[in-house]
Amino acid sequence: MSKSLNARCIRRWEVEFKPVCDSKVNPYWRKSDLRGYIREAALTTAYSMVESMAERNAKVDFDGSLQGWTPEFSAWYRERHEQYLKEARDYL
């Protein structure tokens, strides 16, 4: 996974949740949550972005459509999964 993609997602989540993770504002979320739960959510977001882009690109290359997976596409994509992940990581 690209360090810059991870860093961008982490930063975006931190900016979004920093006002919420203040004990004066919210009794449940703390600043330490920015390093824990929020960071983990950001890394999950980055991973999902790469996977989603790889799957969409492969689907378009396979049959030119974004709709539906078939058993044939699944077998075809399984063989080329790493290639499409690398392309998506490089792009993002």
PDB file of N, CA and C in Angstrom:
ATOM      1  N   MET A   1       0.856  -1.178   0.000  1.00  0.00           N
ATOM      2  CA  MET A   1       0.000   0.000   0.000  1.00  0.00           C
ATOM      3  C   MET A   1       0.893   1.230   0.000  1.00  0.00           C
ATOM      4  N   SER A   2       0.511   2.196  -0.752  1.00  0.00           N
ATOM      5  CA  SER A   2       1.270   3.435  -0.858  1.00  0.00           C
ATOM      6  C   SER A   2       1.242   4.203   0.458  1.00  0.00           C
ATOM      7  N   LYS A   3       2.431   4.610   0.897  1.00  0.00           N
ATOM      8  CA  LYS A   3       2.495   5.376   2.145  1.00  0.00           C
ATOM      9  C   LYS A   3       1.770   6.705   1.999  1.00  0.00           C
ATOM     10  N   SER A   4       1.880   7.312   0.819  1.00  0.00           N
ATOM     11  CA  SER A   4       1.222   8.609   0.642  1.00  0.00           C
ATOM     12  C   SER A   4      -0.298   8.462   0.636  1.00  0.00           C
ATOM     13  N   LEU A   5      -0.809   7.379   0.061  1.00  0.00           N
ATOM     14  CA  LEU A   5      -2.260   7.154   0.080  1.00  0.00           C
ATOM     15  C   LEU A   5      -2.732   6.935   1.512  1.00  0.00           C
ATOM     16  N   ASN A   6      -2.002   6.120   2.257  1.00  0.00           N
ATOM     17  CA  ASN A   6      -2.353   5.911   3.666  1.00  0.00           C
ATOM     18  C   ASN A   6      -2.307   7.222   4.429  1.00  0.00           C
ATOM     19  N   ALA A   7      -1.255   7.991   4.218  1.00  0.00           N
ATOM     20  CA  ALA A   7      -1.106   9.267   4.930  1.00  0.00           C
ATOM     21  C   ALA A   7      -2.229  10.231   4.575  1.00  0.00           C
ATOM     22  N   ARG A   8      -2.608  10.272   3.300  1.00  0.00           N
ATOM     23  CA  ARG A   8      -3.699  11.166   2.889  1.00  0.00           C
ATOM     24  C   ARG A   8      -5.011  10.762   3.542  1.00  0.00           C
ATOM     25  N   CYS A   9      -5.294   9.459   3.573  1.00  0.00           N
ATOM     26  CA  CYS A   9      -6.538   8.997   4.196  1.00  0.00           C
ATOM     27  C   CYS A   9      -6.531   9.258   5.698  1.00  0.00           C
ATOM     28  N   ILE A  10      -5.405   8.983   6.348  1.00  0.00           N
ATOM     29  CA  ILE A  10      -5.313   9.231   7.787  1.00  0.00           C
ATOM     30  C   ILE A  10      -5.517  10.706   8.068  1.00  0.00           C
ATOM     31  N   ARG A  11      -4.861  11.553   7.301  1.00  0.00           N
ATOM     32  CA  ARG A  11      -4.988  12.999   7.507  1.00  0.00           C
ATOM     33  C   ARG A  11      -6.433  13.450   7.309  1.00  0.00           C
ATOM     34  N   ARG A  12      -7.083  12.942   6.271  1.00  0.00           N
ATOM     35  CA  ARG A  12      -8.465  13.328   5.989  1.00  0.00           C
ATOM     36  C   ARG A  12      -9.389  12.929   7.143  1.00  0.00           C
ATOM     37  N   TRP A  13      -9.228  11.727   7.657  1.00  0.00           N
ATOM     38  CA  TRP A  13     -10.049  11.273   8.781  1.00  0.00           C
ATOM     39  C   TRP A  13      -9.741  12.079  10.037  1.00  0.00           C
ATOM     40  N   GLU A  14      -8.456  12.382  10.271  1.00  0.00           N
ATOM     41  CA  GLU A  14      -8.100  13.173  11.454  1.00  0.00           C
ATOM     42  C   GLU A  14      -8.716  14.563  11.390  1.00  0.00           C
ATOM     43  N   VAL A  15      -8.656  15.184  10.225  1.00  0.00           N
ATOM     44  CA  VAL A  15      -9.244  16.516  10.063  1.00  0.00           C
ATOM     45  C   VAL A  15     -10.747  16.454  10.310  1.00  0.00           C
ATOM     46  N   GLU A  16     -11.369  15.402   9.819  1.00  0.00           N
ATOM     47  CA  GLU A  16     -12.823  15.255   9.967  1.00  0.00           C
ATOM     48  C   GLU A  16     -13.232  15.027  11.425  1.00  0.00           C
ATOM     49  N   PHE A  17     -12.453  14.231  12.146  1.00  0.00           N
ATOM     50  CA  PHE A  17     -12.855  13.833  13.492  1.00  0.00           C
ATOM     51  C   PHE A  17     -12.183  14.606  14.619  1.00  0.00           C
ATOM     52  N   LYS A  18     -11.199  15.434  14.314  1.00  0.00           N
ATOM     53  CA  LYS A  18     -10.509  16.157  15.382  1.00  0.00           C
ATOM     54  C   LYS A  18     -11.457  17.001  16.235  1.00  0.00           C
ATOM     55  N   PRO A  19     -12.405  17.744  15.640  1.00  0.00           N
ATOM     56  CA  PRO A  19     -13.334  18.505  16.483  1.00  0.00           C
ATOM     57  C   PRO A  19     -14.222  17.610  17.355  1.00  0.00           C
ATOM     58  N   VAL A  20     -14.495  16.416  16.900  1.00  0.00           N
ATOM     59  CA  VAL A  20     -15.361  15.499  17.637  1.00  0.00           C
ATOM     60  C   VAL A  20     -14.603  14.844  18.793  1.00  0.00           C
ATOM     61  N   CYS A  21     -13.313  14.601  18.596  1.00  0.00           N
ATOM     62  CA  CYS A  21     -12.493  13.909  19.606  1.00  0.00           C
ATOM     63  C   CYS A  21     -11.935  14.902  20.617  1.00  0.00           C
ATOM     64  N   ASP A  22     -12.818  15.596  21.264  1.00  0.00           N
ATOM     65  CA  ASP A  22     -12.442  16.574  22.284  1.00  0.00           C
ATOM     66  C   ASP A  22     -13.329  16.326  23.495  1.00  0.00           C
ATOM     67  N   SER A  23     -12.728  16.156  24.651  1.00  0.00           N
ATOM     68  CA  SER A  23     -13.500  15.814  25.847  1.00  0.00           C
ATOM     69  C   SER A  23     -14.473  16.916  26.252  1.00  0.00           C
ATOM     70  N   LYS A  24     -14.229  18.138  25.800  1.00  0.00           N
ATOM     71  CA  LYS A  24     -15.148  19.229  26.124  1.00  0.00           C
ATOM     72  C   LYS A  24     -16.401  19.176  25.253  1.00  0.00           C
ATOM     73  N   VAL A  25     -16.285  18.533  24.118  1.00  0.00           N
ATOM     74  CA  VAL A  25     -17.389  18.475  23.161  1.00  0.00           C
ATOM     75  C   VAL A  25     -18.138  17.147  23.246  1.00  0.00           C
ATOM     76  N   ASN A  26     -17.394  16.075  23.383  1.00  0.00           N
ATOM     77  CA  ASN A  26     -17.980  14.747  23.297  1.00  0.00           C
ATOM     78  C   ASN A  26     -17.466  13.881  24.450  1.00  0.00           C
ATOM     79  N   PRO A  27     -18.355  13.310  25.242  1.00  0.00           N
ATOM     80  CA  PRO A  27     -17.899  12.496  26.376  1.00  0.00           C
ATOM     81  C   PRO A  27     -17.398  11.101  25.975  1.00  0.00           C
ATOM     82  N   TYR A  28     -17.571  10.698  24.726  1.00  0.00           N
ATOM     83  CA  TYR A  28     -17.228   9.343  24.312  1.00  0.00           C
ATOM     84  C   TYR A  28     -15.911   9.259  23.556  1.00  0.00           C
ATOM     85  N   TRP A  29     -15.661  10.179  22.618  1.00  0.00           N
ATOM     86  CA  TRP A  29     -14.455  10.140  21.800  1.00  0.00           C
ATOM     87  C   TRP A  29     -13.352  10.962  22.454  1.00  0.00           C
ATOM     88  N   ARG A  30     -12.148  10.415  22.479  1.00  0.00           N
ATOM     89  CA  ARG A  30     -10.985  11.083  23.059  1.00  0.00           C
ATOM     90  C   ARG A  30      -9.923  11.302  21.988  1.00  0.00           C
ATOM     91  N   LYS A  31      -8.927  12.128  22.307  1.00  0.00           N
ATOM     92  CA  LYS A  31      -7.838  12.378  21.361  1.00  0.00           C
ATOM     93  C   LYS A  31      -7.079  11.094  21.038  1.00  0.00           C
ATOM     94  N   SER A  32      -6.984  10.212  22.000  1.00  0.00           N
ATOM     95  CA  SER A  32      -6.278   8.945  21.746  1.00  0.00           C
ATOM     96  C   SER A  32      -6.994   8.105  20.689  1.00  0.00           C
ATOM     97  N   ASP A  33      -8.287   8.334  20.521  1.00  0.00           N
ATOM     98  CA  ASP A  33      -9.034   7.604  19.496  1.00  0.00           C
ATOM     99  C   ASP A  33      -8.580   7.977  18.095  1.00  0.00           C
ATOM    100  N   LEU A  34      -8.025   9.179  17.927  1.00  0.00           N
ATOM    101  CA  LEU A  34      -7.501   9.572  16.620  1.00  0.00           C
ATOM    102  C   LEU A  34      -6.359   8.652  16.211  1.00  0.00           C
ATOM    103  N   ARG A  35      -5.580   8.191  17.179  1.00  0.00           N
ATOM    104  CA  ARG A  35      -4.464   7.294  16.880  1.00  0.00           C
ATOM    105  C   ARG A  35      -4.912   5.837  16.799  1.00  0.00           C
ATOM    106  N   GLY A  36      -6.059   5.530  17.333  1.00  0.00           N
ATOM    107  CA  GLY A  36      -6.526   4.148  17.364  1.00  0.00           C
ATOM    108  C   GLY A  36      -7.588   3.857  16.329  1.00  0.00           C
ATOM    109  N   TYR A  37      -8.840   4.028  16.741  1.00  0.00           N
ATOM    110  CA  TYR A  37      -9.971   3.666  15.883  1.00  0.00           C
ATOM    111  C   TYR A  37      -9.995   4.454  14.576  1.00  0.00           C
ATOM    112  N   ILE A  38      -9.779   5.741  14.676  1.00  0.00           N
ATOM    113  CA  ILE A  38      -9.876   6.595  13.488  1.00  0.00           C
ATOM    114  C   ILE A  38      -8.770   6.242  12.494  1.00  0.00           C
ATOM    115  N   ARG A  39      -7.562   5.991  12.990  1.00  0.00           N
ATOM    116  CA  ARG A  39      -6.453   5.613  12.113  1.00  0.00           C
ATOM    117  C   ARG A  39      -6.763   4.289  11.416  1.00  0.00           C
ATOM    118  N   GLU A  40      -7.288   3.341  12.150  1.00  0.00           N
ATOM    119  CA  GLU A  40      -7.634   2.048  11.568  1.00  0.00           C
ATOM    120  C   GLU A  40      -8.715   2.204  10.494  1.00  0.00           C
ATOM    121  N   ALA A  41      -9.689   3.055  10.736  1.00  0.00           N
ATOM    122  CA  ALA A  41     -10.732   3.314   9.738  1.00  0.00           C
ATOM    123  C   ALA A  41     -10.135   3.948   8.488  1.00  0.00           C
ATOM    124  N   ALA A  42      -9.175   4.834   8.664  1.00  0.00           N
ATOM    125  CA  ALA A  42      -8.531   5.487   7.521  1.00  0.00           C
ATOM    126  C   ALA A  42      -7.747   4.474   6.692  1.00  0.00           C
ATOM    127  N   LEU A  43      -7.043   3.568   7.333  1.00  0.00           N
ATOM    128  CA  LEU A  43      -6.295   2.543   6.598  1.00  0.00           C
ATOM    129  C   LEU A  43      -7.237   1.587   5.872  1.00  0.00           C
ATOM    130  N   THR A  44      -8.378   1.289   6.487  1.00  0.00           N
ATOM    131  CA  THR A  44      -9.385   0.461   5.828  1.00  0.00           C
ATOM    132  C   THR A  44      -9.941   1.180   4.604  1.00  0.00           C
ATOM    133  N   THR A  45     -10.142   2.490   4.724  1.00  0.00           N
ATOM    134  CA  THR A  45     -10.616   3.284   3.594  1.00  0.00           C
ATOM    135  C   THR A  45      -9.622   3.234   2.445  1.00  0.00           C
ATOM    136  N   ALA A  46      -8.345   3.407   2.737  1.00  0.00           N
ATOM    137  CA  ALA A  46      -7.310   3.374   1.696  1.00  0.00           C
ATOM    138  C   ALA A  46      -7.285   2.013   1.004  1.00  0.00           C
ATOM    139  N   TYR A  47      -7.339   0.946   1.782  1.00  0.00           N
ATOM    140  CA  TYR A  47      -7.335  -0.400   1.224  1.00  0.00           C
ATOM    141  C   TYR A  47      -8.562  -0.618   0.334  1.00  0.00           C
ATOM    142  N   SER A  48      -9.717  -0.158   0.789  1.00  0.00           N
ATOM    143  CA  SER A  48     -10.957  -0.313   0.022  1.00  0.00           C
ATOM    144  C   SER A  48     -10.915   0.476  -1.277  1.00  0.00           C
ATOM    145  N   MET A  49     -10.315   1.661  -1.235  1.00  0.00           N
ATOM    146  CA  MET A  49     -10.201   2.465  -2.457  1.00  0.00           C
ATOM    147  C   MET A  49      -9.384   1.726  -3.513  1.00  0.00           C
ATOM    148  N   VAL A  50      -8.270   1.134  -3.104  1.00  0.00           N
ATOM    149  CA  VAL A  50      -7.408   0.410  -4.039  1.00  0.00           C
ATOM    150  C   VAL A  50      -8.130  -0.819  -4.587  1.00  0.00           C
ATOM    151  N   GLU A  51      -8.739  -1.603  -3.709  1.00  0.00           N
ATOM    152  CA  GLU A  51      -9.460  -2.807  -4.141  1.00  0.00           C
ATOM    153  C   GLU A  51     -10.595  -2.459  -5.100  1.00  0.00           C
ATOM    154  N   SER A  52     -11.354  -1.430  -4.769  1.00  0.00           N
ATOM    155  CA  SER A  52     -12.489  -1.033  -5.594  1.00  0.00           C
ATOM    156  C   SER A  52     -12.036  -0.583  -6.978  1.00  0.00           C
ATOM    157  N   MET A  53     -10.979   0.218  -7.017  1.00  0.00           N
ATOM    158  CA  MET A  53     -10.484   0.690  -8.307  1.00  0.00           C
ATOM    159  C   MET A  53      -9.954  -0.477  -9.143  1.00  0.00           C
ATOM    160  N   ALA A  54      -9.249  -1.400  -8.521  1.00  0.00           N
ATOM    161  CA  ALA A  54      -8.724  -2.560  -9.242  1.00  0.00           C
ATOM    162  C   ALA A  54      -9.864  -3.399  -9.819  1.00  0.00           C
ATOM    163  N   GLU A  55     -10.891  -3.631  -9.026  1.00  0.00           N
ATOM    164  CA  GLU A  55     -12.030  -4.426  -9.493  1.00  0.00           C
ATOM    165  C   GLU A  55     -12.765  -3.739 -10.636  1.00  0.00           C
ATOM    166  N   ARG A  56     -12.987  -2.426 -10.512  1.00  0.00           N
ATOM    167  CA  ARG A  56     -13.682  -1.689 -11.581  1.00  0.00           C
ATOM    168  C   ARG A  56     -12.874  -1.710 -12.876  1.00  0.00           C
ATOM    169  N   ASN A  57     -11.568  -1.461 -12.782  1.00  0.00           N
ATOM    170  CA  ASN A  57     -10.727  -1.467 -13.978  1.00  0.00           C
ATOM    171  C   ASN A  57     -10.716  -2.840 -14.643  1.00  0.00           C
ATOM    172  N   ALA A  58     -10.631  -3.889 -13.839  1.00  0.00           N
ATOM    173  CA  ALA A  58     -10.627  -5.242 -14.389  1.00  0.00           C
ATOM    174  C   ALA A  58     -11.957  -5.555 -15.058  1.00  0.00           C
ATOM    175  N   LYS A  59     -13.045  -5.150 -14.439  1.00  0.00           N
ATOM    176  CA  LYS A  59     -14.372  -5.423 -15.008  1.00  0.00           C
ATOM    177  C   LYS A  59     -14.531  -4.726 -16.354  1.00  0.00           C
ATOM    178  N   VAL A  60     -14.070  -3.489 -16.443  1.00  0.00           N
ATOM    179  CA  VAL A  60     -14.159  -2.759 -17.711  1.00  0.00           C
ATOM    180  C   VAL A  60     -13.270  -3.418 -18.763  1.00  0.00           C
ATOM    181  N   ASP A  61     -12.071  -3.843 -18.384  1.00  0.00           N
ATOM    182  CA  ASP A  61     -11.184  -4.515 -19.334  1.00  0.00           C
ATOM    183  C   ASP A  61     -11.752  -5.861 -19.784  1.00  0.00           C
ATOM    184  N   PHE A  62     -12.482  -6.523 -18.899  1.00  0.00           N
ATOM    185  CA  PHE A  62     -13.012  -7.849 -19.220  1.00  0.00           C
ATOM    186  C   PHE A  62     -14.145  -7.779 -20.229  1.00  0.00           C
ATOM    187  N   ASP A  63     -15.153  -6.935 -19.954  1.00  0.00           N
ATOM    188  CA  ASP A  63     -16.297  -6.898 -20.868  1.00  0.00           C
ATOM    189  C   ASP A  63     -16.835  -5.497 -21.145  1.00  0.00           C
ATOM    190  N   GLY A  64     -16.150  -4.466 -20.692  1.00  0.00           N
ATOM    191  CA  GLY A  64     -16.573  -3.100 -20.983  1.00  0.00           C
ATOM    192  C   GLY A  64     -17.726  -2.600 -20.144  1.00  0.00           C
ATOM    193  N   SER A  65     -18.122  -3.343 -19.139  1.00  0.00           N
ATOM    194  CA  SER A  65     -19.258  -2.972 -18.304  1.00  0.00           C
ATOM    195  C   SER A  65     -18.832  -2.938 -16.847  1.00  0.00           C
ATOM    196  N   LEU A  66     -19.556  -2.148 -16.058  1.00  0.00           N
ATOM    197  CA  LEU A  66     -19.291  -2.113 -14.619  1.00  0.00           C
ATOM    198  C   LEU A  66     -20.284  -2.968 -13.841  1.00  0.00           C
ATOM    199  N   GLN A  67     -21.265  -3.523 -14.521  1.00  0.00           N
ATOM    200  CA  GLN A  67     -22.366  -4.221 -13.854  1.00  0.00           C
ATOM    201  C   GLN A  67     -22.095  -5.709 -13.725  1.00  0.00           C
ATOM    202  N   GLY A  68     -22.245  -6.233 -12.523  1.00  0.00           N
ATOM    203  CA  GLY A  68     -22.290  -7.659 -12.262  1.00  0.00           C
ATOM    204  C   GLY A  68     -21.009  -8.448 -12.444  1.00  0.00           C
ATOM    205  N   TRP A  69     -20.838  -9.403 -11.552  1.00  0.00           N
ATOM    206  CA  TRP A  69     -19.730 -10.347 -11.648  1.00  0.00           C
ATOM    207  C   TRP A  69     -20.276 -11.666 -12.167  1.00  0.00           C
ATOM    208  N   THR A  70     -19.518 -12.317 -13.023  1.00  0.00           N
ATOM    209  CA  THR A  70     -19.879 -13.640 -13.510  1.00  0.00           C
ATOM    210  C   THR A  70     -18.804 -14.620 -13.042  1.00  0.00           C
ATOM    211  N   PRO A  71     -19.100 -15.910 -13.062  1.00  0.00           N
ATOM    212  CA  PRO A  71     -18.058 -16.888 -12.708  1.00  0.00           C
ATOM    213  C   PRO A  71     -16.841 -16.793 -13.639  1.00  0.00           C
ATOM    214  N   GLU A  72     -17.085 -16.472 -14.905  1.00  0.00           N
ATOM    215  CA  GLU A  72     -15.979 -16.337 -15.855  1.00  0.00           C
ATOM    216  C   GLU A  72     -15.095 -15.146 -15.490  1.00  0.00           C
ATOM    217  N   PHE A  73     -15.740 -14.039 -15.142  1.00  0.00           N
ATOM    218  CA  PHE A  73     -14.965 -12.859 -14.748  1.00  0.00           C
ATOM    219  C   PHE A  73     -14.195 -13.123 -13.461  1.00  0.00           C
ATOM    220  N   SER A  74     -14.820 -13.799 -12.530  1.00  0.00           N
ATOM    221  CA  SER A  74     -14.166 -14.091 -11.257  1.00  0.00           C
ATOM    222  C   SER A  74     -12.889 -14.904 -11.471  1.00  0.00           C
ATOM    223  N   ALA A  75     -12.967 -15.921 -12.309  1.00  0.00           N
ATOM    224  CA  ALA A  75     -11.783 -16.742 -12.603  1.00  0.00           C
ATOM    225  C   ALA A  75     -10.725 -15.922 -13.331  1.00  0.00           C
ATOM    226  N   TRP A  76     -11.145 -15.102 -14.278  1.00  0.00           N
ATOM    227  CA  TRP A  76     -10.223 -14.252 -15.041  1.00  0.00           C
ATOM    228  C   TRP A  76      -9.546 -13.233 -14.127  1.00  0.00           C
ATOM    229  N   TYR A  77     -10.324 -12.624 -13.240  1.00  0.00           N
ATOM    230  CA  TYR A  77      -9.785 -11.599 -12.334  1.00  0.00           C
ATOM    231  C   TYR A  77      -8.834 -12.209 -11.309  1.00  0.00           C
ATOM    232  N   ARG A  78      -9.137 -13.403 -10.838  1.00  0.00           N
ATOM    233  CA  ARG A  78      -8.280 -14.065  -9.851  1.00  0.00           C
ATOM    234  C   ARG A  78      -6.859 -14.229 -10.392  1.00  0.00           C
ATOM    235  N   GLU A  79      -6.734 -14.520 -11.691  1.00  0.00           N
ATOM    236  CA  GLU A  79      -5.418 -14.692 -12.309  1.00  0.00           C
ATOM    237  C   GLU A  79      -4.657 -13.377 -12.432  1.00  0.00           C
ATOM    238  N   ARG A  80      -5.374 -12.260 -12.531  1.00  0.00           N
ATOM    239  CA  ARG A  80      -4.747 -10.960 -12.792  1.00  0.00           C
ATOM    240  C   ARG A  80      -4.876  -9.982 -11.620  1.00  0.00           C
ATOM    241  N   HIS A  81      -5.291 -10.485 -10.483  1.00  0.00           N
ATOM    242  CA  HIS A  81      -5.579  -9.646  -9.316  1.00  0.00           C
ATOM    243  C   HIS A  81      -4.399  -8.752  -8.934  1.00  0.00           C
ATOM    244  N   GLU A  82      -3.216  -9.316  -8.808  1.00  0.00           N
ATOM    245  CA  GLU A  82      -2.039  -8.547  -8.373  1.00  0.00           C
ATOM    246  C   GLU A  82      -1.685  -7.445  -9.371  1.00  0.00           C
ATOM    247  N   GLN A  83      -1.820  -7.724 -10.649  1.00  0.00           N
ATOM    248  CA  GLN A  83      -1.519  -6.727 -11.679  1.00  0.00           C
ATOM    249  C   GLN A  83      -2.441  -5.516 -11.538  1.00  0.00           C
ATOM    250  N   TYR A  84      -3.732  -5.757 -11.362  1.00  0.00           N
ATOM    251  CA  TYR A  84      -4.682  -4.655 -11.238  1.00  0.00           C
ATOM    252  C   TYR A  84      -4.511  -3.903  -9.923  1.00  0.00           C
ATOM    253  N   LEU A  85      -4.149  -4.615  -8.852  1.00  0.00           N
ATOM    254  CA  LEU A  85      -3.872  -3.929  -7.585  1.00  0.00           C
ATOM    255  C   LEU A  85      -2.677  -2.996  -7.726  1.00  0.00           C
ATOM    256  N   LYS A  86      -1.635  -3.464  -8.404  1.00  0.00           N
ATOM    257  CA  LYS A  86      -0.441  -2.632  -8.594  1.00  0.00           C
ATOM    258  C   LYS A  86      -0.779  -1.384  -9.404  1.00  0.00           C
ATOM    259  N   GLU A  87      -1.554  -1.547 -10.471  1.00  0.00           N
ATOM    260  CA  GLU A  87      -1.950  -0.396 -11.285  1.00  0.00           C
ATOM    261  C   GLU A  87      -2.763   0.607 -10.463  1.00  0.00           C
ATOM    262  N   ALA A  88      -3.681   0.108  -9.649  1.00  0.00           N
ATOM    263  CA  ALA A  88      -4.513   0.993  -8.823  1.00  0.00           C
ATOM    264  C   ALA A  88      -3.663   1.722  -7.787  1.00  0.00           C
ATOM    265  N   ARG A  89      -2.728   1.002  -7.149  1.00  0.00           N
ATOM    266  CA  ARG A  89      -1.839   1.647  -6.166  1.00  0.00           C
ATOM    267  C   ARG A  89      -0.999   2.729  -6.822  1.00  0.00           C
ATOM    268  N   ASP A  90      -0.479   2.426  -8.014  1.00  0.00           N
ATOM    269  CA  ASP A  90       0.347   3.413  -8.721  1.00  0.00           C
ATOM    270  C   ASP A  90      -0.461   4.650  -9.089  1.00  0.00           C
ATOM    271  N   TYR A  91      -1.713   4.454  -9.471  1.00  0.00           N
ATOM    272  CA  TYR A  91      -2.555   5.587  -9.859  1.00  0.00           C
ATOM    273  C   TYR A  91      -2.938   6.444  -8.659  1.00  0.00           C
ATOM    274  N   LEU A  92      -3.324   5.771  -7.573  1.00  0.00           N
ATOM    275  CA  LEU A  92      -3.761   6.511  -6.388  1.00  0.00           C
ATOM    276  C   LEU A  92      -2.555   7.013  -5.632  1.00  0.00           C
TER     277      LEU A  92
END
